PDB file of all heavy atoms in Angstrom:
ATOM      1  N   TRP A   1     151.557  47.683  17.943  1.00  0.00           N
ATOM      2  CA  TRP A   1     152.450  48.849  17.913  1.00  0.00           C
ATOM      3  C   TRP A   1     151.914  49.949  18.835  1.00  0.00           C
ATOM      4  O   TRP A   1     152.641  50.510  19.662  1.00  0.00           O
ATOM      5  CB  TRP A   1     152.568  49.345  16.473  1.00  0.00           C
ATOM      6  CG  TRP A   1     153.420  50.550  16.259  1.00  0.00           C
ATOM      7  CD1 TRP A   1     154.546  50.905  16.945  1.00  0.00           C
ATOM      8  CD2 TRP A   1     153.228  51.569  15.283  1.00  0.00           C
ATOM      9  NE1 TRP A   1     155.065  52.083  16.436  1.00  0.00           N
ATOM     10  CE2 TRP A   1     154.268  52.502  15.412  1.00  0.00           C
ATOM     11  CE3 TRP A   1     152.281  51.762  14.283  1.00  0.00           C
ATOM     12  CZ2 TRP A   1     154.376  53.619  14.604  1.00  0.00           C
ATOM     13  CZ3 TRP A   1     152.398  52.872  13.473  1.00  0.00           C
ATOM     14  CH2 TRP A   1     153.433  53.782  13.632  1.00  0.00           C
ATOM     15  N   ILE A   2     150.636  50.259  18.686  1.00  0.00           N
ATOM     16  CA  ILE A   2     150.019  51.297  19.526  1.00  0.00           C
ATOM     17  C   ILE A   2     150.125  50.926  21.000  1.00  0.00           C
ATOM     18  O   ILE A   2     150.441  51.764  21.842  1.00  0.00           O
ATOM     19  CB  ILE A   2     148.539  51.516  19.120  1.00  0.00           C
ATOM     20  CG1 ILE A   2     148.435  52.129  17.734  1.00  0.00           C
ATOM     21  CG2 ILE A   2     147.788  52.350  20.150  1.00  0.00           C
ATOM     22  CD1 ILE A   2     149.035  53.515  17.617  1.00  0.00           C
ATOM     23  N   LEU A   3     149.864  49.656  21.313  1.00  0.00           N
ATOM     24  CA  LEU A   3     149.895  49.221  22.705  1.00  0.00           C
ATOM     25  C   LEU A   3     151.291  49.300  23.316  1.00  0.00           C
ATOM     26  O   LEU A   3     151.432  49.373  24.533  1.00  0.00           O
ATOM     27  CB  LEU A   3     149.364  47.793  22.821  1.00  0.00           C
ATOM     28  CG  LEU A   3     147.858  47.653  22.646  1.00  0.00           C
ATOM     29  CD1 LEU A   3     147.484  46.188  22.459  1.00  0.00           C
ATOM     30  CD2 LEU A   3     147.116  48.260  23.828  1.00  0.00           C
ATOM     31  N   GLN A   4     152.320  49.291  22.482  1.00  0.00           N
ATOM     32  CA  GLN A   4     153.690  49.370  22.989  1.00  0.00           C
ATOM     33  C   GLN A   4     154.233  50.799  23.004  1.00  0.00           C
ATOM     34  O   GLN A   4     155.417  51.010  23.286  1.00  0.00           O
ATOM     35  CB  GLN A   4     154.601  48.442  22.177  1.00  0.00           C
ATOM     36  CG  GLN A   4     154.338  46.969  22.483  1.00  0.00           C
ATOM     37  CD  GLN A   4     155.230  46.034  21.707  1.00  0.00           C
ATOM     38  OE1 GLN A   4     154.769  45.308  20.852  1.00  0.00           O
ATOM     39  NE2 GLN A   4     156.511  46.050  22.000  1.00  0.00           N
ATOM     40  N   GLN A   5     153.388  51.777  22.739  1.00  0.00           N
ATOM     41  CA  GLN A   5     153.820  53.171  22.772  1.00  0.00           C
ATOM     42  C   GLN A   5     153.630  53.741  24.169  1.00  0.00           C
ATOM     43  O   GLN A   5     152.601  53.514  24.812  1.00  0.00           O
ATOM     44  CB  GLN A   5     153.020  54.018  21.770  1.00  0.00           C
ATOM     45  CG  GLN A   5     153.174  53.575  20.334  1.00  0.00           C
ATOM     46  CD  GLN A   5     154.617  53.510  19.907  1.00  0.00           C
ATOM     47  OE1 GLN A   5     155.349  54.484  19.970  1.00  0.00           O
ATOM     48  NE2 GLN A   5     155.043  52.325  19.480  1.00  0.00           N
ATOM     49  N   PRO A   6     154.624  54.475  24.665  1.00  0.00           N
ATOM     50  CA  PRO A   6     154.488  55.083  25.994  1.00  0.00           C
ATOM     51  C   PRO A   6     153.299  56.046  26.029  1.00  0.00           C
ATOM     52  O   PRO A   6     153.064  56.779  25.080  1.00  0.00           O
ATOM     53  CB  PRO A   6     155.799  55.858  26.176  1.00  0.00           C
ATOM     54  CG  PRO A   6     156.678  55.489  25.039  1.00  0.00           C
ATOM     55  CD  PRO A   6     155.861  54.813  23.999  1.00  0.00           C
ATOM     56  N   GLY A   7     152.571  55.986  27.101  1.00  0.00           N
ATOM     57  CA  GLY A   7     151.458  56.907  27.272  1.00  0.00           C
ATOM     58  C   GLY A   7     150.138  56.439  26.697  1.00  0.00           C
ATOM     59  O   GLY A   7     149.101  57.035  26.964  1.00  0.00           O
ATOM     60  N   VAL A   8     150.135  55.388  25.912  1.00  0.00           N
ATOM     61  CA  VAL A   8     148.879  54.866  25.362  1.00  0.00           C
ATOM     62  C   VAL A   8     148.383  53.786  26.314  1.00  0.00           C
ATOM     63  O   VAL A   8     149.044  52.766  26.510  1.00  0.00           O
ATOM     64  CB  VAL A   8     149.065  54.275  23.942  1.00  0.00           C
ATOM     65  CG1 VAL A   8     147.770  53.663  23.445  1.00  0.00           C
ATOM     66  CG2 VAL A   8     149.552  55.347  22.985  1.00  0.00           C
ATOM     67  N   THR A   9     147.225  54.034  26.902  1.00  0.00           N
ATOM     68  CA  THR A   9     146.692  53.067  27.858  1.00  0.00           C
ATOM     69  C   THR A   9     145.409  52.405  27.374  1.00  0.00           C
ATOM     70  O   THR A   9     145.065  51.332  27.833  1.00  0.00           O
ATOM     71  CB  THR A   9     146.403  53.736  29.215  1.00  0.00           C
ATOM     72  OG1 THR A   9     145.490  54.815  29.022  1.00  0.00           O
ATOM     73  CG2 THR A   9     147.688  54.258  29.842  1.00  0.00           C
ATOM     74  N   ALA A  10     144.710  53.030  26.441  1.00  0.00           N
ATOM     75  CA  ALA A  10     143.447  52.475  25.981  1.00  0.00           C
ATOM     76  C   ALA A  10     143.167  52.912  24.543  1.00  0.00           C
ATOM     77  O   ALA A  10     142.437  53.864  24.316  1.00  0.00           O
ATOM     78  CB  ALA A  10     142.308  52.918  26.889  1.00  0.00           C
ATOM     79  N   PRO A  11     143.742  52.209  23.560  1.00  0.00           N
ATOM     80  CA  PRO A  11     143.450  52.575  22.169  1.00  0.00           C
ATOM     81  C   PRO A  11     141.984  52.301  21.847  1.00  0.00           C
ATOM     82  O   PRO A  11     141.382  51.369  22.382  1.00  0.00           O
ATOM     83  CB  PRO A  11     144.369  51.670  21.349  1.00  0.00           C
ATOM     84  CG  PRO A  11     144.659  50.521  22.232  1.00  0.00           C
ATOM     85  CD  PRO A  11     144.618  51.049  23.640  1.00  0.00           C
ATOM     86  N   ILE A  12     141.416  53.117  21.004  1.00  0.00           N
ATOM     87  CA  ILE A  12     140.026  52.932  20.579  1.00  0.00           C
ATOM     88  C   ILE A  12     140.051  52.022  19.361  1.00  0.00           C
ATOM     89  O   ILE A  12     140.615  52.368  18.324  1.00  0.00           O
ATOM     90  CB  ILE A  12     139.362  54.280  20.248  1.00  0.00           C
ATOM     91  CG1 ILE A  12     139.353  55.154  21.489  1.00  0.00           C
ATOM     92  CG2 ILE A  12     137.956  54.064  19.698  1.00  0.00           C
ATOM     93  CD1 ILE A  12     138.933  56.579  21.246  1.00  0.00           C
ATOM     94  N   ILE A  13     139.450  50.843  19.474  1.00  0.00           N
ATOM     95  CA  ILE A  13     139.567  49.867  18.401  1.00  0.00           C
ATOM     96  C   ILE A  13     138.407  49.891  17.420  1.00  0.00           C
ATOM     97  O   ILE A  13     138.544  49.461  16.299  1.00  0.00           O
ATOM     98  CB  ILE A  13     139.762  48.439  18.947  1.00  0.00           C
ATOM     99  CG1 ILE A  13     138.599  48.040  19.847  1.00  0.00           C
ATOM    100  CG2 ILE A  13     141.084  48.336  19.666  1.00  0.00           C
ATOM    101  CD1 ILE A  13     138.580  46.594  20.215  1.00  0.00           C
ATOM    102  N   GLY A  14     137.241  50.368  17.811  1.00  0.00           N
ATOM    103  CA  GLY A  14     136.119  50.488  16.884  1.00  0.00           C
ATOM    104  C   GLY A  14     135.655  49.172  16.282  1.00  0.00           C
ATOM    105  O   GLY A  14     135.334  49.109  15.109  1.00  0.00           O
ATOM    106  N   ALA A  15     135.642  48.112  17.077  1.00  0.00           N
ATOM    107  CA  ALA A  15     135.198  46.808  16.576  1.00  0.00           C
ATOM    108  C   ALA A  15     133.698  46.830  16.320  1.00  0.00           C
ATOM    109  O   ALA A  15     132.915  47.153  17.198  1.00  0.00           O
ATOM    110  CB  ALA A  15     135.546  45.719  17.574  1.00  0.00           C
ATOM    111  N   SER A  16     133.303  46.487  15.093  1.00  0.00           N
ATOM    112  CA  SER A  16     131.882  46.419  14.762  1.00  0.00           C
ATOM    113  C   SER A  16     131.441  45.002  14.414  1.00  0.00           C
ATOM    114  O   SER A  16     130.260  44.745  14.228  1.00  0.00           O
ATOM    115  CB  SER A  16     131.561  47.363  13.595  1.00  0.00           C
ATOM    116  OG  SER A  16     132.326  46.999  12.459  1.00  0.00           O
ATOM    117  N   LYS A  17     132.413  44.097  14.338  1.00  0.00           N
ATOM    118  CA  LYS A  17     132.134  42.691  14.050  1.00  0.00           C
ATOM    119  C   LYS A  17     133.017  41.843  14.947  1.00  0.00           C
ATOM    120  O   LYS A  17     134.100  42.270  15.347  1.00  0.00           O
ATOM    121  CB  LYS A  17     132.433  42.371  12.577  1.00  0.00           C
ATOM    122  CG  LYS A  17     131.575  43.159  11.611  1.00  0.00           C
ATOM    123  CD  LYS A  17     131.945  42.857  10.176  1.00  0.00           C
ATOM    124  CE  LYS A  17     131.083  43.742   9.280  1.00  0.00           C
ATOM    125  NZ  LYS A  17     131.474  43.664   7.899  1.00  0.00           N
ATOM    126  N   MET A  18     132.566  40.640  15.231  1.00  0.00           N
ATOM    127  CA  MET A  18     133.312  39.761  16.124  1.00  0.00           C
ATOM    128  C   MET A  18     134.755  39.519  15.651  1.00  0.00           C
ATOM    129  O   MET A  18     135.672  39.551  16.483  1.00  0.00           O
ATOM    130  CB  MET A  18     132.582  38.431  16.308  1.00  0.00           C
ATOM    131  CG  MET A  18     133.236  37.547  17.350  1.00  0.00           C
ATOM    132  SD  MET A  18     133.450  38.328  18.974  1.00  0.00           S
ATOM    133  CE  MET A  18     131.826  38.110  19.642  1.00  0.00           C
ATOM    134  N   PRO A  19     135.034  39.321  14.341  1.00  0.00           N
ATOM    135  CA  PRO A  19     136.429  39.142  13.928  1.00  0.00           C
ATOM    136  C   PRO A  19     137.318  40.344  14.259  1.00  0.00           C
ATOM    137  O   PRO A  19     138.497  40.173  14.569  1.00  0.00           O
ATOM    138  CB  PRO A  19     136.335  38.929  12.414  1.00  0.00           C
ATOM    139  CG  PRO A  19     134.973  38.363  12.201  1.00  0.00           C
ATOM    140  CD  PRO A  19     134.109  39.039  13.239  1.00  0.00           C
ATOM    141  N   HIS A  20     136.756  41.554  14.237  1.00  0.00           N
ATOM    142  CA  HIS A  20     137.530  42.742  14.614  1.00  0.00           C
ATOM    143  C   HIS A  20     137.962  42.641  16.077  1.00  0.00           C
ATOM    144  O   HIS A  20     139.110  42.935  16.417  1.00  0.00           O
ATOM    145  CB  HIS A  20     136.718  44.017  14.430  1.00  0.00           C
ATOM    146  CG  HIS A  20     136.275  44.283  13.035  1.00  0.00           C
ATOM    147  ND1 HIS A  20     135.292  45.199  12.744  1.00  0.00           N
ATOM    148  CD2 HIS A  20     136.653  43.751  11.848  1.00  0.00           C
ATOM    149  CE1 HIS A  20     135.094  45.236  11.439  1.00  0.00           C
ATOM    150  NE2 HIS A  20     135.912  44.351  10.876  1.00  0.00           N
ATOM    151  N   LEU A  21     137.027  42.233  16.913  1.00  0.00           N
ATOM    152  CA  LEU A  21     137.316  42.102  18.342  1.00  0.00           C
ATOM    153  C   LEU A  21     138.335  40.991  18.581  1.00  0.00           C
ATOM    154  O   LEU A  21     139.253  41.139  19.393  1.00  0.00           O
ATOM    155  CB  LEU A  21     136.031  41.841  19.123  1.00  0.00           C
ATOM    156  CG  LEU A  21     136.160  41.820  20.637  1.00  0.00           C
ATOM    157  CD1 LEU A  21     136.718  43.124  21.159  1.00  0.00           C
ATOM    158  CD2 LEU A  21     134.813  41.518  21.266  1.00  0.00           C
ATOM    159  N   GLU A  22     138.199  39.885  17.849  1.00  0.00           N
ATOM    160  CA  GLU A  22     139.138  38.771  17.996  1.00  0.00           C
ATOM    161  C   GLU A  22     140.560  39.196  17.600  1.00  0.00           C
ATOM    162  O   GLU A  22     141.523  38.812  18.256  1.00  0.00           O
ATOM    163  CB  GLU A  22     138.670  37.580  17.166  1.00  0.00           C
ATOM    164  CG  GLU A  22     137.413  36.933  17.736  1.00  0.00           C
ATOM    165  CD  GLU A  22     136.736  35.965  16.779  1.00  0.00           C
ATOM    166  OE1 GLU A  22     137.115  35.904  15.582  1.00  0.00           O
ATOM    167  OE2 GLU A  22     135.808  35.276  17.232  1.00  0.00           O
ATOM    168  N   GLU A  23     140.678  39.988  16.550  1.00  0.00           N
ATOM    169  CA  GLU A  23     142.004  40.485  16.144  1.00  0.00           C
ATOM    170  C   GLU A  23     142.585  41.419  17.195  1.00  0.00           C
ATOM    171  O   GLU A  23     143.784  41.389  17.466  1.00  0.00           O
ATOM    172  CB  GLU A  23     141.924  41.203  14.799  1.00  0.00           C
ATOM    173  CG  GLU A  23     141.830  40.261  13.626  1.00  0.00           C
ATOM    174  CD  GLU A  23     142.060  40.977  12.320  1.00  0.00           C
ATOM    175  OE1 GLU A  23     141.176  41.764  11.926  1.00  0.00           O
ATOM    176  OE2 GLU A  23     143.128  40.743  11.721  1.00  0.00           O
ATOM    177  N   ALA A  24     141.731  42.249  17.770  1.00  0.00           N
ATOM    178  CA  ALA A  24     142.201  43.172  18.806  1.00  0.00           C
ATOM    179  C   ALA A  24     142.704  42.403  20.019  1.00  0.00           C
ATOM    180  O   ALA A  24     143.748  42.737  20.579  1.00  0.00           O
ATOM    181  CB  ALA A  24     141.087  44.135  19.201  1.00  0.00           C
ATOM    182  N   VAL A  25     142.003  41.369  20.407  1.00  0.00           N
ATOM    183  CA  VAL A  25     142.425  40.552  21.546  1.00  0.00           C
ATOM    184  C   VAL A  25     143.736  39.835  21.209  1.00  0.00           C
ATOM    185  O   VAL A  25     144.648  39.766  22.040  1.00  0.00           O
ATOM    186  CB  VAL A  25     141.319  39.560  21.958  1.00  0.00           C
ATOM    187  CG1 VAL A  25     141.822  38.555  22.971  1.00  0.00           C
ATOM    188  CG2 VAL A  25     140.113  40.322  22.508  1.00  0.00           C
ATOM    189  N   ALA A  26     143.862  39.318  19.995  1.00  0.00           N
ATOM    190  CA  ALA A  26     145.088  38.639  19.573  1.00  0.00           C
ATOM    191  C   ALA A  26     146.286  39.589  19.601  1.00  0.00           C
ATOM    192  O   ALA A  26     147.412  39.170  19.885  1.00  0.00           O
ATOM    193  CB  ALA A  26     144.918  38.047  18.181  1.00  0.00           C
TER     194      ALA A  26
END
């Protein structure tokens, strides 16, 4: 949702574990 908002180019995801990063990539 955030990535599809106009003007948002780099949301801060705050991944602290590999599954967090995997979800962000997905």
